[in-house]
N, C-alpha and C. Protein backbone atom coordinates (compact mmCIF):
# COMPACT_ATOMS: atom_id res chain seq x y z
N UNK A 1 122.36 75.57 99.84
CA UNK A 1 121.42 76.64 100.00
C UNK A 1 121.67 77.99 99.55
N UNK A 2 120.73 78.69 99.05
CA UNK A 2 120.92 79.78 98.44
C UNK A 2 120.70 81.20 99.36
N UNK A 3 121.44 81.97 99.14
CA UNK A 3 121.59 83.23 99.97
C UNK A 3 120.04 83.69 100.47
N UNK A 4 118.93 83.74 99.67
CA UNK A 4 117.85 84.09 100.02
C UNK A 4 117.08 83.36 101.06
N UNK A 5 117.10 81.99 100.62
CA UNK A 5 116.83 81.20 101.92
C UNK A 5 117.63 81.36 103.31
N UNK A 6 118.61 81.57 103.26
CA UNK A 6 119.40 81.80 104.51
C UNK A 6 118.83 82.86 104.95
N UNK A 7 118.49 84.17 104.54
CA UNK A 7 117.87 85.30 104.91
C UNK A 7 116.67 84.79 105.30
N UNK A 8 115.95 84.08 104.86
CA UNK A 8 114.57 83.62 105.37
C UNK A 8 114.37 83.00 106.71
N UNK A 9 115.60 82.19 106.90
CA UNK A 9 115.91 81.58 108.28
C UNK A 9 115.88 82.69 109.47
N UNK A 10 116.63 83.73 109.14
CA UNK A 10 116.49 84.95 109.89
C UNK A 10 115.29 85.96 109.99
N UNK A 11 114.00 85.12 109.46
CA UNK A 11 112.74 86.36 109.30
C UNK A 11 113.14 87.44 108.52
N UNK A 12 113.92 87.66 107.53
CA UNK A 12 113.95 88.43 106.58
C UNK A 12 113.57 88.14 104.90
N UNK A 13 112.10 88.29 104.74
CA UNK A 13 111.27 87.48 103.83
C UNK A 13 111.53 88.50 102.81
N UNK A 14 111.57 88.17 101.47
CA UNK A 14 111.20 89.20 100.29
C UNK A 14 110.17 88.89 99.33
N UNK A 15 109.15 89.76 99.31
CA UNK A 15 107.78 89.36 98.48
C UNK A 15 107.98 89.35 97.04
N UNK A 16 107.23 88.24 96.37
CA UNK A 16 107.29 87.87 95.16
C UNK A 16 106.54 89.09 94.51
N UNK A 17 107.12 89.81 93.36
CA UNK A 17 106.32 90.99 92.94
C UNK A 17 104.99 90.57 92.42
N UNK A 18 104.91 89.37 91.78
CA UNK A 18 103.81 89.19 90.76
C UNK A 18 102.81 88.54 91.99
N UNK A 19 102.83 88.27 92.88
CA UNK A 19 101.81 87.67 94.00
C UNK A 19 101.51 88.60 94.94
N UNK A 20 102.05 89.73 94.85
CA UNK A 20 101.70 90.71 95.96
C UNK A 20 100.15 91.46 95.70
N UNK A 21 99.37 91.42 96.66
CA UNK A 21 98.29 92.08 96.62
C UNK A 21 97.39 92.57 98.18
N UNK A 22 96.56 93.29 98.00
CA UNK A 22 95.82 93.53 99.30
C UNK A 22 95.09 92.63 99.75
N UNK A 23 95.17 92.49 101.08
CA UNK A 23 94.56 91.63 101.94
C UNK A 23 93.90 92.46 103.10
N UNK A 24 92.31 92.87 103.30
CA UNK A 24 91.98 93.88 104.19
C UNK A 24 92.88 95.16 104.03
N UNK A 25 93.57 95.41 104.98
CA UNK A 25 94.36 96.95 105.02
C UNK A 25 95.53 96.54 104.87
N UNK A 26 96.11 95.29 104.51
CA UNK A 26 97.73 94.80 104.70
C UNK A 26 97.95 94.34 103.37
N UNK A 27 99.14 94.66 102.94
CA UNK A 27 99.87 93.76 101.65
C UNK A 27 100.42 92.48 102.16
N UNK A 28 100.01 91.73 101.27
CA UNK A 28 100.47 90.17 101.35
C UNK A 28 100.76 89.64 100.03
N UNK A 29 101.87 88.59 100.49
CA UNK A 29 102.57 88.10 99.31
C UNK A 29 103.00 86.68 99.50
N UNK A 30 103.61 86.04 98.65
CA UNK A 30 104.54 84.83 98.91
C UNK A 30 105.92 85.20 98.95
N UNK A 31 106.89 84.57 99.97
CA UNK A 31 108.30 84.79 99.90
C UNK A 31 109.00 84.26 98.53
N UNK A 32 109.82 84.83 98.04
CA UNK A 32 110.69 84.50 96.89
C UNK A 32 111.58 83.26 97.55
N UNK A 33 111.82 83.26 98.65
CA UNK A 33 113.14 82.54 99.08
C UNK A 33 112.61 81.04 99.51
N UNK A 34 111.37 81.11 100.46
CA UNK A 34 110.88 79.83 100.89
C UNK A 34 109.76 79.82 100.69
N UNK A 35 108.79 80.55 99.93
CA UNK A 35 107.35 80.28 99.59
C UNK A 35 106.24 80.13 100.54
N UNK A 36 106.76 80.90 101.87
CA UNK A 36 105.77 81.18 102.85
C UNK A 36 105.04 82.37 102.49
N UNK A 37 103.73 82.38 103.22
CA UNK A 37 102.81 83.43 103.12
C UNK A 37 103.35 84.64 104.06
N UNK A 38 103.39 85.63 103.58
CA UNK A 38 104.27 86.75 104.41
C UNK A 38 103.19 88.18 104.03
N UNK A 39 103.24 88.83 105.23
CA UNK A 39 102.57 90.17 104.84
C UNK A 39 103.55 91.26 105.41
N UNK A 40 103.06 92.68 105.16
CA UNK A 40 103.62 93.91 105.44
C UNK A 40 103.43 94.19 106.81
N UNK A 41 104.35 94.12 107.91
CA UNK A 41 103.72 94.75 109.04
C UNK A 41 103.78 96.31 109.16
N UNK A 42 103.45 96.90 110.51
CA UNK A 42 103.30 98.36 110.61
C UNK A 42 104.88 98.95 110.36
N UNK A 43 106.05 98.32 110.52
CA UNK A 43 107.26 98.81 110.50
C UNK A 43 107.88 98.69 109.20
N UNK A 44 106.93 98.41 108.25
CA UNK A 44 107.33 97.90 106.75
C UNK A 44 108.25 96.98 106.51
N UNK A 45 108.34 96.05 107.51
CA UNK A 45 109.06 94.69 107.11
C UNK A 45 108.04 93.59 106.96
N UNK A 46 108.79 92.84 106.26
CA UNK A 46 107.95 91.64 105.70
C UNK A 46 108.12 90.39 106.57
N UNK A 47 106.90 89.79 106.96
CA UNK A 47 107.06 89.01 108.15
C UNK A 47 106.19 87.59 107.82
N UNK A 48 106.55 86.45 108.37
CA UNK A 48 105.91 85.30 108.07
C UNK A 48 104.29 85.52 108.62
N UNK A 49 103.52 85.07 108.01
CA UNK A 49 101.87 84.89 108.40
C UNK A 49 101.90 84.05 109.39
N UNK A 50 100.92 84.06 110.63
CA UNK A 50 100.74 83.19 111.27
C UNK A 50 100.04 81.96 110.84
N UNK A 51 100.12 80.52 111.33
CA UNK A 51 99.45 79.59 110.77
C UNK A 51 97.97 79.97 111.39
N UNK A 52 96.94 79.53 110.33
CA UNK A 52 95.49 79.54 110.79
C UNK A 52 95.31 78.12 111.80
N UNK A 53 94.56 78.51 112.77
CA UNK A 53 94.03 77.41 113.65
C UNK A 53 93.15 76.61 113.35
N UNK A 54 93.03 75.19 113.15
CA UNK A 54 91.89 74.58 112.70
C UNK A 54 91.10 73.84 113.85
């Protein structure tokens, strides 16, 4: 396991610079470590996006 993936397990995600984009009023991206969809919250932390209900 690499260091980045271990940080993802602790909900410390890092955005992929080439995939970062505005989605409505928030920044959204894909995590470099685990590939999850993430967004930037009000505390300027990158957190995993909630799964959409179907």
